[in-house]
Every structure is written in C-alpha cells, then in structure tokens.
C-alpha cells in the first residue's frame, strides 16, 4: 500500500506509483490502510503536528517529515 510502515519506529512511508491525491495523503487513510479506525484507541483529545496544535485529525494531509502526535483519553 502507498502509506505504510516498515517497522515499529512509527515512521510512515509514502510510496506512490503515479499521481497522489490529497485524500491519499490524509492521516485517516493511513489508519484505513493499517486496518484501524483512528478513534479505536479512545477519544482523541488533541493532535500536535510539528509541535503545533491541529484539529483536522483524520482529514489532516500529511507532509514530508511531519511529526504527528495524537493524544487519546
């Protein structure tokens, strides 16, 4: 799959054949590819991207080198 991990480091790899749409880069799409619901770990209470609070959660369009932290209740 285009969005995946190779190990337990938490690093997401983006490897696309051809054109990637914004929806392909959404954080929620990674969870879908992973076979999980983004909310399956509990209620999301916050999200930080590169040290900045964000609220897009599953619709956040990931960028190269982003450090994404989800806080759950």
PDB file of N, CA and C in Angstrom:
ATOM      1  N   UNK A   1       0.844  -1.190   0.000  1.00  0.00           N
ATOM      2  CA  UNK A   1       0.000   0.000   0.000  1.00  0.00           C
ATOM      3  C   UNK A   1       0.880   1.240   0.000  1.00  0.00           C
ATOM      4  N   UNK A   2       0.343   2.306  -0.508  1.00  0.00           N
ATOM      5  CA  UNK A   2       1.129   3.534  -0.662  1.00  0.00           C
ATOM      6  C   UNK A   2       1.553   4.136   0.671  1.00  0.00           C
ATOM      7  N   UNK A   3       0.682   4.104   1.687  1.00  0.00           N
ATOM      8  CA  UNK A   3       1.015   4.581   3.031  1.00  0.00           C
ATOM      9  C   UNK A   3       1.232   3.367   3.910  1.00  0.00           C
ATOM     10  N   UNK A   4       2.432   3.248   4.483  1.00  0.00           N
ATOM     11  CA  UNK A   4       2.737   2.056   5.276  1.00  0.00           C
ATOM     12  C   UNK A   4       3.933   2.317   6.192  1.00  0.00           C
ATOM     13  N   UNK A   5       4.205   1.367   7.051  1.00  0.00           N
ATOM     14  CA  UNK A   5       5.405   1.398   7.892  1.00  0.00           C
ATOM     15  C   UNK A   5       6.222   0.150   7.581  1.00  0.00           C
ATOM     16  N   UNK A   6       7.513   0.215   7.907  1.00  0.00           N
ATOM     17  CA  UNK A   6       8.384  -0.946   7.720  1.00  0.00           C
ATOM     18  C   UNK A   6       8.736  -1.605   9.046  1.00  0.00           C
ATOM     19  N   UNK A   7       8.559  -0.868  10.142  1.00  0.00           N
ATOM     20  CA  UNK A   7       8.952  -1.384  11.452  1.00  0.00           C
ATOM     21  C   UNK A   7       8.163  -0.659  12.539  1.00  0.00           C
ATOM     22  N   UNK A   8       8.576  -0.796  13.784  1.00  0.00           N
ATOM     23  CA  UNK A   8       7.847  -0.220  14.914  1.00  0.00           C
ATOM     24  C   UNK A   8       8.333   1.175  15.308  1.00  0.00           C
ATOM     25  N   UNK A   9       9.058   1.874  14.430  1.00  0.00           N
ATOM     26  CA  UNK A   9       9.564   3.201  14.761  1.00  0.00           C
ATOM     27  C   UNK A   9       8.478   4.267  14.743  1.00  0.00           C
ATOM     28  N   UNK A  10       7.348   3.973  14.094  1.00  0.00           N
ATOM     29  CA  UNK A  10       6.281   4.951  13.972  1.00  0.00           C
ATOM     30  C   UNK A  10       6.414   5.823  12.737  1.00  0.00           C
ATOM     31  N   UNK A  11       7.425   5.580  11.930  1.00  0.00           N
ATOM     32  CA  UNK A  11       7.622   6.366  10.720  1.00  0.00           C
ATOM     33  C   UNK A  11       6.736   5.820   9.611  1.00  0.00           C
ATOM     34  N   UNK A  12       5.955   6.726   9.003  1.00  0.00           N
ATOM     35  CA  UNK A  12       5.070   6.355   7.899  1.00  0.00           C
ATOM     36  C   UNK A  12       5.789   6.637   6.594  1.00  0.00           C
ATOM     37  N   UNK A  13       5.795   5.657   5.718  1.00  0.00           N
ATOM     38  CA  UNK A  13       6.413   5.809   4.403  1.00  0.00           C
ATOM     39  C   UNK A  13       5.316   6.053   3.372  1.00  0.00           C
ATOM     40  N   UNK A  14       5.586   6.990   2.467  1.00  0.00           N
ATOM     41  CA  UNK A  14       4.657   7.287   1.384  1.00  0.00           C
ATOM     42  C   UNK A  14       5.341   6.914   0.076  1.00  0.00           C
ATOM     43  N   UNK A  15       4.850   5.874  -0.563  1.00  0.00           N
ATOM     44  CA  UNK A  15       5.443   5.405  -1.811  1.00  0.00           C
ATOM     45  C   UNK A  15       4.317   5.208  -2.822  1.00  0.00           C
ATOM     46  N   UNK A  16       4.149   6.183  -3.699  1.00  0.00           N
ATOM     47  CA  UNK A  16       3.050   6.167  -4.658  1.00  0.00           C
ATOM     48  C   UNK A  16       3.559   5.868  -6.059  1.00  0.00           C
ATOM     49  N   UNK A  17       2.779   5.109  -6.796  1.00  0.00           N
ATOM     50  CA  UNK A  17       3.002   4.899  -8.219  1.00  0.00           C
ATOM     51  C   UNK A  17       2.084   5.887  -8.929  1.00  0.00           C
ATOM     52  N   UNK A  18       2.623   6.849  -9.639  1.00  0.00           N
ATOM     53  CA  UNK A  18       1.790   7.816 -10.341  1.00  0.00           C
ATOM     54  C   UNK A  18       1.403   8.987  -9.460  1.00  0.00           C
ATOM     55  N   UNK A  19       0.258   9.571  -9.739  1.00  0.00           N
ATOM     56  CA  UNK A  19      -0.206  10.791  -9.072  1.00  0.00           C
ATOM     57  C   UNK A  19      -0.875  10.446  -7.746  1.00  0.00           C
ATOM     58  N   UNK A  20      -0.526  11.206  -6.709  1.00  0.00           N
ATOM     59  CA  UNK A  20      -1.163  11.053  -5.396  1.00  0.00           C
ATOM     60  C   UNK A  20      -2.131  12.217  -5.189  1.00  0.00           C
ATOM     61  N   UNK A  21      -3.343  11.903  -4.785  1.00  0.00           N
ATOM     62  CA  UNK A  21      -4.342  12.923  -4.465  1.00  0.00           C
ATOM     63  C   UNK A  21      -4.209  13.300  -2.995  1.00  0.00           C
ATOM     64  N   UNK A  22      -4.744  14.467  -2.620  1.00  0.00           N
ATOM     65  CA  UNK A  22      -4.716  14.882  -1.210  1.00  0.00           C
ATOM     66  C   UNK A  22      -5.351  13.829  -0.327  1.00  0.00           C
ATOM     67  N   UNK A  23      -6.452  13.251  -0.780  1.00  0.00           N
ATOM     68  CA  UNK A  23      -7.141  12.246   0.037  1.00  0.00           C
ATOM     69  C   UNK A  23      -6.259  11.024   0.281  1.00  0.00           C
ATOM     70  N   UNK A  24      -5.309  10.755  -0.628  1.00  0.00           N
ATOM     71  CA  UNK A  24      -4.374   9.643  -0.442  1.00  0.00           C
ATOM     72  C   UNK A  24      -3.399   9.924   0.693  1.00  0.00           C
ATOM     73  N   UNK A  25      -3.166  11.210   0.993  1.00  0.00           N
ATOM     74  CA  UNK A  25      -2.188  11.623   1.995  1.00  0.00           C
ATOM     75  C   UNK A  25      -2.809  11.931   3.348  1.00  0.00           C
ATOM     76  N   UNK A  26      -4.103  11.720   3.483  1.00  0.00           N
ATOM     77  CA  UNK A  26      -4.800  12.015   4.743  1.00  0.00           C
ATOM     78  C   UNK A  26      -4.389  11.011   5.823  1.00  0.00           C
ATOM     79  N   UNK A  27      -4.243  11.517   7.034  1.00  0.00           N
ATOM     80  CA  UNK A  27      -3.884  10.664   8.163  1.00  0.00           C
ATOM     81  C   UNK A  27      -4.896   9.529   8.337  1.00  0.00           C
ATOM     82  N   UNK A  28      -6.157   9.827   8.142  1.00  0.00           N
ATOM     83  CA  UNK A  28      -7.187   8.792   8.250  1.00  0.00           C
ATOM     84  C   UNK A  28      -6.996   7.679   7.234  1.00  0.00           C
ATOM     85  N   UNK A  29      -6.469   8.002   6.057  1.00  0.00           N
ATOM     86  CA  UNK A  29      -6.217   6.978   5.036  1.00  0.00           C
ATOM     87  C   UNK A  29      -5.137   6.017   5.506  1.00  0.00           C
ATOM     88  N   UNK A  30      -4.125   6.552   6.208  1.00  0.00           N
ATOM     89  CA  UNK A  30      -3.104   5.657   6.766  1.00  0.00           C
ATOM     90  C   UNK A  30      -3.745   4.672   7.743  1.00  0.00           C
ATOM     91  N   UNK A  31      -4.606   5.166   8.626  1.00  0.00           N
ATOM     92  CA  UNK A  31      -5.262   4.276   9.577  1.00  0.00           C
ATOM     93  C   UNK A  31      -6.117   3.235   8.840  1.00  0.00           C
ATOM     94  N   UNK A  32      -6.798   3.647   7.779  1.00  0.00           N
ATOM     95  CA  UNK A  32      -7.587   2.704   6.973  1.00  0.00           C
ATOM     96  C   UNK A  32      -6.684   1.623   6.388  1.00  0.00           C
ATOM     97  N   UNK A  33      -5.558   2.044   5.813  1.00  0.00           N
ATOM     98  CA  UNK A  33      -4.607   1.076   5.253  1.00  0.00           C
ATOM     99  C   UNK A  33      -4.090   0.136   6.338  1.00  0.00           C
ATOM    100  N   UNK A  34      -3.932   0.647   7.541  1.00  0.00           N
ATOM    101  CA  UNK A  34      -3.428  -0.104   8.691  1.00  0.00           C
ATOM    102  C   UNK A  34      -4.489  -1.065   9.226  1.00  0.00           C
ATOM    103  N   UNK A  35      -5.745  -0.859   8.806  1.00  0.00           N
ATOM    104  CA  UNK A  35      -6.845  -1.706   9.272  1.00  0.00           C
ATOM    105  C   UNK A  35      -7.395  -1.266  10.614  1.00  0.00           C
ATOM    106  N   UNK A  36      -7.194   0.005  10.958  1.00  0.00           N
ATOM    107  CA  UNK A  36      -7.660   0.550  12.242  1.00  0.00           C
ATOM    108  C   UNK A  36      -8.537   1.767  11.994  1.00  0.00           C
ATOM    109  N   UNK A  37      -9.412   2.046  12.939  1.00  0.00           N
ATOM    110  CA  UNK A  37     -10.153   3.301  12.964  1.00  0.00           C
ATOM    111  C   UNK A  37      -9.327   4.253  13.815  1.00  0.00           C
ATOM    112  N   UNK A  38      -9.146   5.486  13.375  1.00  0.00           N
ATOM    113  CA  UNK A  38      -8.317   6.443  14.111  1.00  0.00           C
ATOM    114  C   UNK A  38      -8.826   6.632  15.540  1.00  0.00           C
ATOM    115  N   UNK A  39     -10.113   6.375  15.759  1.00  0.00           N
ATOM    116  CA  UNK A  39     -10.703   6.541  17.097  1.00  0.00           C
ATOM    117  C   UNK A  39     -10.732   5.235  17.892  1.00  0.00           C
ATOM    118  N   UNK A  40     -10.154   4.169  17.355  1.00  0.00           N
ATOM    119  CA  UNK A  40     -10.211   2.869  18.023  1.00  0.00           C
ATOM    120  C   UNK A  40      -9.346   2.803  19.285  1.00  0.00           C
ATOM    121  N   UNK A  41      -8.486   3.790  19.479  1.00  0.00           N
ATOM    122  CA  UNK A  41      -7.612   3.797  20.656  1.00  0.00           C
ATOM    123  C   UNK A  41      -8.216   4.594  21.805  1.00  0.00           C
ATOM    124  N   UNK A  42      -9.386   5.192  21.586  1.00  0.00           N
ATOM    125  CA  UNK A  42     -10.060   6.012  22.579  1.00  0.00           C
ATOM    126  C   UNK A  42     -10.480   7.334  21.963  1.00  0.00           C
ATOM    127  N   UNK A  43     -11.004   8.220  22.796  1.00  0.00           N
ATOM    128  CA  UNK A  43     -11.421   9.542  22.317  1.00  0.00           C
ATOM    129  C   UNK A  43     -10.179  10.404  22.098  1.00  0.00           C
ATOM    130  N   UNK A  44     -10.084  10.994  20.920  1.00  0.00           N
ATOM    131  CA  UNK A  44      -8.949  11.875  20.635  1.00  0.00           C
ATOM    132  C   UNK A  44      -9.154  13.180  21.385  1.00  0.00           C
ATOM    133  N   UNK A  45      -8.171  13.555  22.179  1.00  0.00           N
ATOM    134  CA  UNK A  45      -8.261  14.795  22.946  1.00  0.00           C
ATOM    135  C   UNK A  45      -7.362  15.887  22.387  1.00  0.00           C
ATOM    136  N   UNK A  46      -6.506  15.555  21.445  1.00  0.00           N
ATOM    137  CA  UNK A  46      -5.643  16.556  20.844  1.00  0.00           C
ATOM    138  C   UNK A  46      -4.746  15.965  19.786  1.00  0.00           C
ATOM    139  N   UNK A  47      -4.196  16.859  18.980  1.00  0.00           N
ATOM    140  CA  UNK A  47      -3.270  16.444  17.932  1.00  0.00           C
ATOM    141  C   UNK A  47      -2.224  17.542  17.775  1.00  0.00           C
ATOM    142  N   UNK A  48      -0.971  17.131  17.739  1.00  0.00           N
ATOM    143  CA  UNK A  48       0.129  18.053  17.515  1.00  0.00           C
ATOM    144  C   UNK A  48       0.825  17.634  16.230  1.00  0.00           C
ATOM    145  N   UNK A  49       1.132  18.614  15.377  1.00  0.00           N
ATOM    146  CA  UNK A  49       1.907  18.366  14.166  1.00  0.00           C
ATOM    147  C   UNK A  49       3.091  19.321  14.204  1.00  0.00           C
ATOM    148  N   UNK A  50       4.266  18.746  14.297  1.00  0.00           N
ATOM    149  CA  UNK A  50       5.498  19.541  14.379  1.00  0.00           C
ATOM    150  C   UNK A  50       5.435  20.558  15.515  1.00  0.00           C
ATOM    151  N   UNK A  51       4.848  20.134  16.644  1.00  0.00           N
ATOM    152  CA  UNK A  51       4.777  20.974  17.830  1.00  0.00           C
ATOM    153  C   UNK A  51       3.643  21.988  17.832  1.00  0.00           C
ATOM    154  N   UNK A  52       2.794  21.981  16.819  1.00  0.00           N
ATOM    155  CA  UNK A  52       1.679  22.926  16.715  1.00  0.00           C
ATOM    156  C   UNK A  52       0.355  22.185  16.855  1.00  0.00           C
ATOM    157  N   UNK A  53      -0.547  22.705  17.692  1.00  0.00           N
ATOM    158  CA  UNK A  53      -1.859  22.079  17.865  1.00  0.00           C
ATOM    159  C   UNK A  53      -2.645  22.155  16.567  1.00  0.00           C
ATOM    160  N   UNK A  54      -3.271  21.042  16.206  1.00  0.00           N
ATOM    161  CA  UNK A  54      -4.094  20.962  14.999  1.00  0.00           C
ATOM    162  C   UNK A  54      -5.398  20.265  15.356  1.00  0.00           C
ATOM    163  N   UNK A  55      -6.410  20.409  14.514  1.00  0.00           N
ATOM    164  CA  UNK A  55      -7.700  19.787  14.820  1.00  0.00           C
ATOM    165  C   UNK A  55      -8.276  18.967  13.661  1.00  0.00           C
ATOM    166  N   UNK A  56      -7.515  18.788  12.587  1.00  0.00           N
ATOM    167  CA  UNK A  56      -8.058  18.077  11.430  1.00  0.00           C
ATOM    168  C   UNK A  56      -8.190  16.568  11.648  1.00  0.00           C
ATOM    169  N   UNK A  57      -7.375  16.008  12.536  1.00  0.00           N
ATOM    170  CA  UNK A  57      -7.365  14.573  12.806  1.00  0.00           C
ATOM    171  C   UNK A  57      -7.290  13.761  11.516  1.00  0.00           C
ATOM    172  N   UNK A  58      -8.316  12.939  11.231  1.00  0.00           N
ATOM    173  CA  UNK A  58      -8.201  12.028  10.095  1.00  0.00           C
ATOM    174  C   UNK A  58      -8.140  12.735   8.746  1.00  0.00           C
ATOM    175  N   UNK A  59      -8.576  13.967   8.659  1.00  0.00           N
ATOM    176  CA  UNK A  59      -8.509  14.671   7.373  1.00  0.00           C
ATOM    177  C   UNK A  59      -7.195  15.441   7.190  1.00  0.00           C
ATOM    178  N   UNK A  60      -6.305  15.395   8.185  1.00  0.00           N
ATOM    179  CA  UNK A  60      -5.026  16.103   8.064  1.00  0.00           C
ATOM    180  C   UNK A  60      -4.231  15.521   6.893  1.00  0.00           C
ATOM    181  N   UNK A  61      -3.782  16.384   5.992  1.00  0.00           N
ATOM    182  CA  UNK A  61      -2.978  15.964   4.840  1.00  0.00           C
ATOM    183  C   UNK A  61      -1.512  15.974   5.264  1.00  0.00           C
ATOM    184  N   UNK A  62      -0.930  14.797   5.341  1.00  0.00           N
ATOM    185  CA  UNK A  62       0.440  14.656   5.827  1.00  0.00           C
ATOM    186  C   UNK A  62       1.449  15.228   4.837  1.00  0.00           C
ATOM    187  N   UNK A  63       2.506  15.814   5.397  1.00  0.00           N
ATOM    188  CA  UNK A  63       3.605  16.374   4.616  1.00  0.00           C
ATOM    189  C   UNK A  63       4.881  15.613   4.968  1.00  0.00           C
ATOM    190  N   UNK A  64       5.847  15.662   4.089  1.00  0.00           N
ATOM    191  CA  UNK A  64       7.131  15.008   4.325  1.00  0.00           C
ATOM    192  C   UNK A  64       7.757  15.530   5.613  1.00  0.00           C
ATOM    193  N   UNK A  65       8.237  14.624   6.442  1.00  0.00           N
ATOM    194  CA  UNK A  65       8.946  14.912   7.696  1.00  0.00           C
ATOM    195  C   UNK A  65       8.042  15.402   8.824  1.00  0.00           C
ATOM    196  N   UNK A  66       6.712  15.346   8.670  1.00  0.00           N
ATOM    197  CA  UNK A  66       5.820  15.724   9.766  1.00  0.00           C
ATOM    198  C   UNK A  66       6.041  14.817  10.960  1.00  0.00           C
ATOM    199  N   UNK A  67       5.976  15.402  12.146  1.00  0.00           N
ATOM    200  CA  UNK A  67       5.947  14.623  13.385  1.00  0.00           C
ATOM    201  C   UNK A  67       4.547  14.819  13.938  1.00  0.00           C
ATOM    202  N   UNK A  68       3.761  13.759  13.893  1.00  0.00           N
ATOM    203  CA  UNK A  68       2.358  13.808  14.286  1.00  0.00           C
ATOM    204  C   UNK A  68       2.169  13.057  15.585  1.00  0.00           C
ATOM    205  N   UNK A  69       1.557  13.724  16.550  1.00  0.00           N
ATOM    206  CA  UNK A  69       1.258  13.094  17.837  1.00  0.00           C
ATOM    207  C   UNK A  69      -0.230  13.217  18.103  1.00  0.00           C
ATOM    208  N   UNK A  70      -0.865  12.086  18.356  1.00  0.00           N
ATOM    209  CA  UNK A  70      -2.284  12.062  18.728  1.00  0.00           C
ATOM    210  C   UNK A  70      -2.385  11.779  20.217  1.00  0.00           C
ATOM    211  N   UNK A  71      -3.211  12.565  20.911  1.00  0.00           N
ATOM    212  CA  UNK A  71      -3.449  12.314  22.321  1.00  0.00           C
ATOM    213  C   UNK A  71      -4.842  11.697  22.468  1.00  0.00           C
ATOM    214  N   UNK A  72      -4.892  10.634  23.250  1.00  0.00           N
ATOM    215  CA  UNK A  72      -6.145   9.909  23.463  1.00  0.00           C
ATOM    216  C   UNK A  72      -6.510   9.934  24.931  1.00  0.00           C
ATOM    217  N   UNK A  73      -7.816   9.852  25.190  1.00  0.00           N
ATOM    218  CA  UNK A  73      -8.359   9.795  26.547  1.00  0.00           C
ATOM    219  C   UNK A  73      -8.606   8.364  26.927  1.00  0.00           C
TER     220      UNK A  73
END
